[in-house]
Amino acid sequence: MIKADNISKQFVRNVRKEGSGKNSFKKRTKEEFFAVDGVSFEAKSGEILGILGPNGAGKTTLLRMLASLMTPNGGSVEIYDSNMNLIDNTVEKKKHIGYLSGNTKLYNRFSTREMLKILADIYNIDPEEADKRIKHIEEVLEMSSFIDNRIEKLSTGQTQRANIARCLIHSPEIYIFDEPTLGLDVISSDAIVNFMKKEKENGKTVLYSTHYMEEAQYLCDHIFMIYKGKQIAYGTPAELMGKTGTDNLRDTFKKLIEEEGGSDE
């Protein structure tokens, strides 16, 4: 299980402001802002949580904090193992997490199988056990036709599945995926969606951000919506649709964003 308790992340950016007086000009000044501002929720074992929000809403910053790759300025992220023991050590937290970012680069000259064997060695996984895990990953992500091809030769969808495969080799209890199906064909998308469903059935916790509302409505147990760094909604798809008087998550999303004075673009 993973729990976010009132977490915030503040950054500094450069902005241009108009000067005053006869010879006014634009000058640069530094400004603090919250990319994520006071967010709280939890995702339990055997649950899929969808994280939705327009571009620039703070989704990626939120996911990086959840994955222990970025430290919140305020609040805390708690990780629990399968026995509900709280894990305090950051290194131990990362061992329980499989994190997929939108810009992870792979070793193009290796095949997916070779990459997974290298990662298994880094995690000190016994070679015989590593072979069993790789075989399982090959099956659940439907990779048998390309697992031994060099990564630089793979299609976009195949590369994304290889990317997800590297998150699985250490058998984490929590998956955090940033746009895992973005821009993929139907076959690759289905393979990834089916994988998330199976891992949920295996008692794993899955968090993922997406712009595909139909996918989130079909797949997620709960939805968390963020806009301009702030939490604007949390609940099951049915609860959120009922609250907004809509019959699909796309219209729900649009209505909630409009109520906040924005758009989903």
Protein backbone atom coordinates (compact mmCIF):
# COMPACT_ATOMS: atom_id res chain seq x y z
CA MET A 1 0.00 0.00 0.00
CA ILE A 2 1.10 3.57 -0.63
CA LYS A 3 -0.23 6.65 1.15
CA ALA A 4 0.29 10.34 0.39
CA ASP A 5 -0.33 12.60 3.38
CA ASN A 6 -0.64 16.32 2.57
CA ILE A 7 2.41 16.32 0.29
CA SER A 8 3.64 19.45 -1.46
CA LYS A 9 6.49 20.34 -3.79
CA GLN A 10 7.65 23.89 -4.34
CA PHE A 11 9.91 25.18 -7.12
CA VAL A 12 11.37 28.51 -8.20
CA ARG A 13 10.88 29.81 -11.74
CA ASN A 14 11.93 32.91 -13.68
CA VAL A 15 9.13 35.24 -14.75
CA ARG A 16 9.04 38.51 -16.69
CA LYS A 17 7.33 41.50 -15.10
CA GLU A 18 6.62 44.98 -16.40
CA GLY A 19 8.68 47.74 -14.86
CA SER A 20 7.10 51.07 -13.85
CA GLY A 21 7.77 54.64 -14.84
CA LYS A 22 8.47 56.45 -18.09
CA ASN A 23 11.02 53.95 -19.34
CA SER A 24 9.19 50.80 -18.33
CA PHE A 25 10.61 47.48 -19.42
CA LYS A 26 10.15 43.82 -18.69
CA LYS A 27 12.53 42.45 -16.11
CA ARG A 28 13.18 38.93 -14.92
CA THR A 29 12.42 38.00 -11.35
CA LYS A 30 12.23 34.75 -9.41
CA GLU A 31 8.91 33.40 -8.22
CA GLU A 32 8.09 30.45 -6.00
CA PHE A 33 5.21 28.18 -6.96
CA PHE A 34 3.71 24.85 -5.91
CA ALA A 35 3.77 22.10 -8.54
CA VAL A 36 1.90 19.94 -6.02
CA ASP A 37 0.04 21.56 -3.15
CA GLY A 38 -1.32 19.60 -0.18
CA VAL A 39 -2.28 16.31 -1.82
CA SER A 40 -3.59 13.31 0.17
CA PHE A 41 -4.82 9.86 -0.89
CA GLU A 42 -4.00 6.19 -0.58
CA ALA A 43 -3.85 3.21 -2.92
CA LYS A 44 -4.30 -0.20 -1.36
CA SER A 45 -3.03 -3.63 -2.33
CA GLY A 46 -5.07 -5.13 -5.15
CA GLU A 47 -6.15 -1.71 -6.39
CA ILE A 48 -5.62 0.38 -9.52
CA LEU A 49 -5.58 4.13 -8.96
CA GLY A 50 -5.78 6.45 -11.98
CA ILE A 51 -4.16 9.88 -11.69
CA LEU A 52 -5.76 12.36 -14.09
CA GLY A 53 -5.11 15.99 -14.88
CA PRO A 54 -4.38 18.30 -17.82
CA ASN A 55 -0.84 19.01 -19.00
CA GLY A 56 1.10 20.93 -16.38
CA ALA A 57 -1.22 19.90 -13.55
CA GLY A 58 1.58 18.37 -11.48
CA LYS A 59 1.09 14.67 -12.28
CA THR A 60 4.72 13.82 -13.04
CA THR A 61 6.02 15.70 -9.99
CA LEU A 62 3.48 13.82 -7.88
CA LEU A 63 4.52 10.45 -9.31
CA ARG A 64 8.21 11.20 -8.73
CA MET A 65 7.52 11.97 -5.07
CA LEU A 66 5.49 8.78 -4.71
CA ALA A 67 8.39 6.82 -6.22
CA SER A 68 10.87 8.34 -3.72
CA LEU A 69 12.79 10.02 -6.55
CA MET A 70 11.89 13.49 -5.29
CA THR A 71 11.53 14.67 -1.70
CA PRO A 72 8.37 16.61 -0.78
CA ASN A 73 8.77 20.05 0.78
CA GLY A 74 5.89 19.17 3.08
CA GLY A 75 3.90 16.11 4.05
CA SER A 76 4.97 12.50 3.69
CA VAL A 77 4.73 9.43 1.47
CA GLU A 78 4.29 6.15 3.35
CA ILE A 79 5.02 2.75 1.82
CA TYR A 80 3.80 -0.50 3.40
CA ASP A 81 4.88 -4.03 2.52
CA SER A 82 2.49 -6.93 1.98
CA ASN A 83 2.32 -7.49 5.75
CA MET A 84 1.36 -3.83 6.31
CA ASN A 85 4.72 -2.98 7.87
CA LEU A 86 5.72 0.66 7.38
CA ILE A 87 8.98 1.07 5.44
CA ASP A 88 11.04 4.07 6.53
CA ASN A 89 14.29 3.62 4.60
CA THR A 90 14.30 5.31 1.16
CA VAL A 91 16.41 2.56 -0.42
CA GLU A 92 14.03 -0.08 0.91
CA LYS A 93 11.08 1.92 -0.42
CA LYS A 94 12.54 1.85 -3.92
CA LYS A 95 12.89 -1.94 -3.76
CA HIS A 96 9.11 -2.15 -3.37
CA ILE A 97 8.40 0.13 -6.34
CA GLY A 98 8.50 -0.34 -10.11
CA TYR A 99 8.56 3.14 -11.64
CA LEU A 100 8.02 3.93 -15.31
CA SER A 101 8.66 7.51 -16.38
CA GLY A 102 7.82 9.09 -19.71
CA ASN A 103 11.43 9.60 -20.75
CA THR A 104 13.34 6.54 -19.50
CA LYS A 105 16.10 5.50 -21.91
CA LEU A 106 17.04 1.86 -22.50
CA TYR A 107 20.29 0.23 -23.59
CA ASN A 108 19.64 0.02 -27.32
CA ARG A 109 22.41 -2.44 -28.15
CA PHE A 110 21.05 -5.09 -25.78
CA SER A 111 18.06 -7.32 -26.29
CA THR A 112 15.28 -7.12 -23.70
CA ARG A 113 16.35 -10.49 -22.30
CA GLU A 114 19.96 -9.31 -21.93
CA MET A 115 18.81 -6.10 -20.24
CA LEU A 116 16.66 -8.04 -17.78
CA LYS A 117 19.53 -10.40 -16.91
CA ILE A 118 21.79 -7.42 -16.19
CA LEU A 119 19.13 -5.85 -13.97
CA ALA A 120 18.56 -9.17 -12.18
CA ASP A 121 22.28 -9.28 -11.41
CA ILE A 122 22.14 -5.70 -10.05
CA TYR A 123 19.28 -6.75 -7.75
CA ASN A 124 21.29 -9.83 -6.66
CA ILE A 125 18.62 -12.20 -7.95
CA ASP A 126 19.74 -15.82 -8.24
CA PRO A 127 20.30 -16.71 -11.96
CA GLU A 128 17.84 -19.59 -11.87
CA GLU A 129 15.19 -17.40 -10.24
CA ALA A 130 15.98 -14.62 -12.72
CA ASP A 131 15.30 -16.96 -15.65
CA LYS A 132 11.92 -17.87 -14.13
CA ARG A 133 11.01 -14.21 -13.68
CA ILE A 134 12.09 -13.32 -17.22
CA LYS A 135 9.97 -16.14 -18.59
CA HIS A 136 6.99 -14.87 -16.59
CA ILE A 137 7.54 -11.29 -17.78
CA GLU A 138 7.82 -12.52 -21.37
CA GLU A 139 4.42 -14.18 -21.04
CA VAL A 140 2.47 -11.47 -19.22
CA LEU A 141 3.70 -8.71 -21.55
CA GLU A 142 3.41 -10.91 -24.67
CA MET A 143 7.05 -10.38 -25.66
CA SER A 144 8.03 -13.79 -27.06
CA SER A 145 8.25 -12.53 -30.65
CA PHE A 146 10.81 -9.82 -29.85
CA ILE A 147 12.42 -10.43 -26.45
CA ASP A 148 15.70 -11.50 -28.11
CA ASN A 149 15.78 -8.63 -30.65
CA ARG A 150 17.99 -5.63 -30.00
CA ILE A 151 16.03 -2.83 -28.36
CA GLU A 152 17.05 -0.32 -31.05
CA LYS A 153 15.16 -2.47 -33.59
CA LEU A 154 11.87 -2.54 -31.66
CA SER A 155 8.69 -0.65 -32.51
CA THR A 156 7.34 2.04 -30.19
CA GLY A 157 4.90 -0.36 -28.55
CA GLN A 158 7.51 -3.10 -28.19
CA THR A 159 9.96 -0.63 -26.64
CA GLN A 160 7.34 0.45 -24.12
CA ARG A 161 6.74 -3.15 -23.13
CA ALA A 162 10.50 -3.63 -22.76
CA ASN A 163 10.52 -0.51 -20.60
CA ILE A 164 7.79 -1.89 -18.37
CA ALA A 165 9.60 -5.24 -18.22
CA ARG A 166 12.57 -3.62 -16.48
CA CYS A 167 10.17 -2.45 -13.73
CA LEU A 168 9.10 -6.04 -13.04
CA ILE A 169 12.32 -7.97 -12.64
CA HIS A 170 12.59 -7.29 -8.88
CA SER A 171 8.91 -8.23 -8.39
CA PRO A 172 7.79 -4.97 -6.73
CA GLU A 173 4.58 -4.66 -4.75
CA ILE A 174 3.77 -1.19 -6.11
CA TYR A 175 3.78 0.00 -9.74
CA ILE A 176 3.89 3.69 -10.61
CA PHE A 177 3.43 4.31 -14.34
CA ASP A 178 3.49 7.67 -16.12
CA GLU A 179 1.40 7.46 -19.33
CA PRO A 180 2.20 3.77 -20.02
CA THR A 181 -0.09 3.49 -23.08
CA LEU A 182 0.48 6.92 -24.62
CA GLY A 183 0.75 6.77 -28.42
CA LEU A 184 0.66 2.97 -28.61
CA ASP A 185 -1.23 0.76 -31.04
CA VAL A 186 -4.18 -1.32 -29.88
CA ILE A 187 -2.18 -4.55 -29.46
CA SER A 188 0.52 -2.96 -27.31
CA SER A 189 -2.03 -0.99 -25.28
CA ASP A 190 -4.07 -4.12 -24.62
CA ALA A 191 -0.97 -6.01 -23.48
CA ILE A 192 -0.15 -3.29 -20.94
CA VAL A 193 -3.75 -2.89 -19.75
CA ASN A 194 -4.11 -6.66 -19.35
CA PHE A 195 -0.84 -6.72 -17.41
CA MET A 196 -2.13 -4.09 -14.96
CA LYS A 197 -5.36 -6.05 -14.47
CA LYS A 198 -3.43 -9.27 -13.75
CA GLU A 199 -1.12 -7.56 -11.28
CA LYS A 200 -4.14 -6.12 -9.47
CA GLU A 201 -5.54 -9.66 -9.22
CA ASN A 202 -2.17 -10.72 -7.78
CA GLY A 203 -2.62 -8.20 -4.98
CA LYS A 204 -0.25 -5.55 -6.35
CA THR A 205 -0.88 -1.81 -6.12
CA VAL A 206 -0.97 0.05 -9.45
CA LEU A 207 -0.88 3.83 -9.86
CA TYR A 208 -0.81 5.31 -13.31
CA SER A 209 -1.42 8.63 -15.01
CA THR A 210 -3.24 8.74 -18.32
CA HIS A 211 -5.04 11.07 -20.72
CA TYR A 212 -7.24 8.22 -21.94
CA MET A 213 -10.48 8.70 -20.03
CA GLU A 214 -12.20 5.58 -21.41
CA GLU A 215 -9.23 3.47 -20.35
CA ALA A 216 -9.30 4.94 -16.83
CA GLN A 217 -13.06 4.46 -16.50
CA TYR A 218 -12.76 0.81 -17.52
CA LEU A 219 -9.64 -0.03 -15.53
CA CYS A 220 -9.49 1.99 -12.31
CA ASP A 221 -10.95 1.25 -8.89
CA HIS A 222 -10.40 4.87 -7.85
CA ILE A 223 -9.61 8.10 -9.66
CA PHE A 224 -7.54 10.98 -8.32
CA MET A 225 -7.77 14.29 -10.21
CA ILE A 226 -5.24 17.09 -9.91
CA TYR A 227 -5.37 20.61 -11.39
CA LYS A 228 -2.75 23.35 -10.95
CA GLY A 229 -1.12 21.24 -8.27
CA LYS A 230 -4.26 20.88 -6.18
CA GLN A 231 -6.50 17.89 -5.58
CA ILE A 232 -9.92 18.50 -7.12
CA ALA A 233 -11.53 15.05 -6.93
CA TYR A 234 -11.05 11.56 -5.51
CA GLY A 235 -13.40 8.60 -5.70
CA THR A 236 -14.56 5.68 -7.80
CA PRO A 237 -15.47 6.43 -11.43
CA ALA A 238 -19.13 5.86 -10.53
CA GLU A 239 -18.94 8.26 -7.56
CA LEU A 240 -17.33 11.01 -9.62
CA MET A 241 -19.80 10.61 -12.49
CA GLY A 242 -22.69 10.68 -10.04
CA LYS A 243 -21.34 13.79 -8.34
CA THR A 244 -21.09 15.68 -11.66
CA GLY A 245 -24.25 14.28 -13.27
CA THR A 246 -22.34 12.75 -16.17
CA ASP A 247 -22.36 9.28 -17.68
CA ASN A 248 -18.73 8.99 -18.75
CA LEU A 249 -15.40 9.93 -17.21
CA ARG A 250 -14.41 12.21 -20.10
CA ASP A 251 -17.37 14.53 -19.40
CA THR A 252 -16.71 14.22 -15.67
CA PHE A 253 -13.13 15.35 -16.19
CA LYS A 254 -14.17 18.29 -18.37
CA LYS A 255 -16.84 19.45 -15.93
CA LEU A 256 -14.53 19.33 -12.92
CA ILE A 257 -11.82 21.26 -14.76
CA GLU A 258 -14.36 23.85 -15.93
CA GLU A 259 -15.56 24.30 -12.36
CA GLU A 260 -11.97 25.13 -11.43
CA GLY A 261 -11.88 27.81 -14.13
CA GLY A 262 -9.78 25.97 -16.69
CA SER A 263 -9.95 23.55 -19.61
CA ASP A 264 -8.61 20.11 -20.32
CA GLU A 265 -6.25 21.30 -23.05
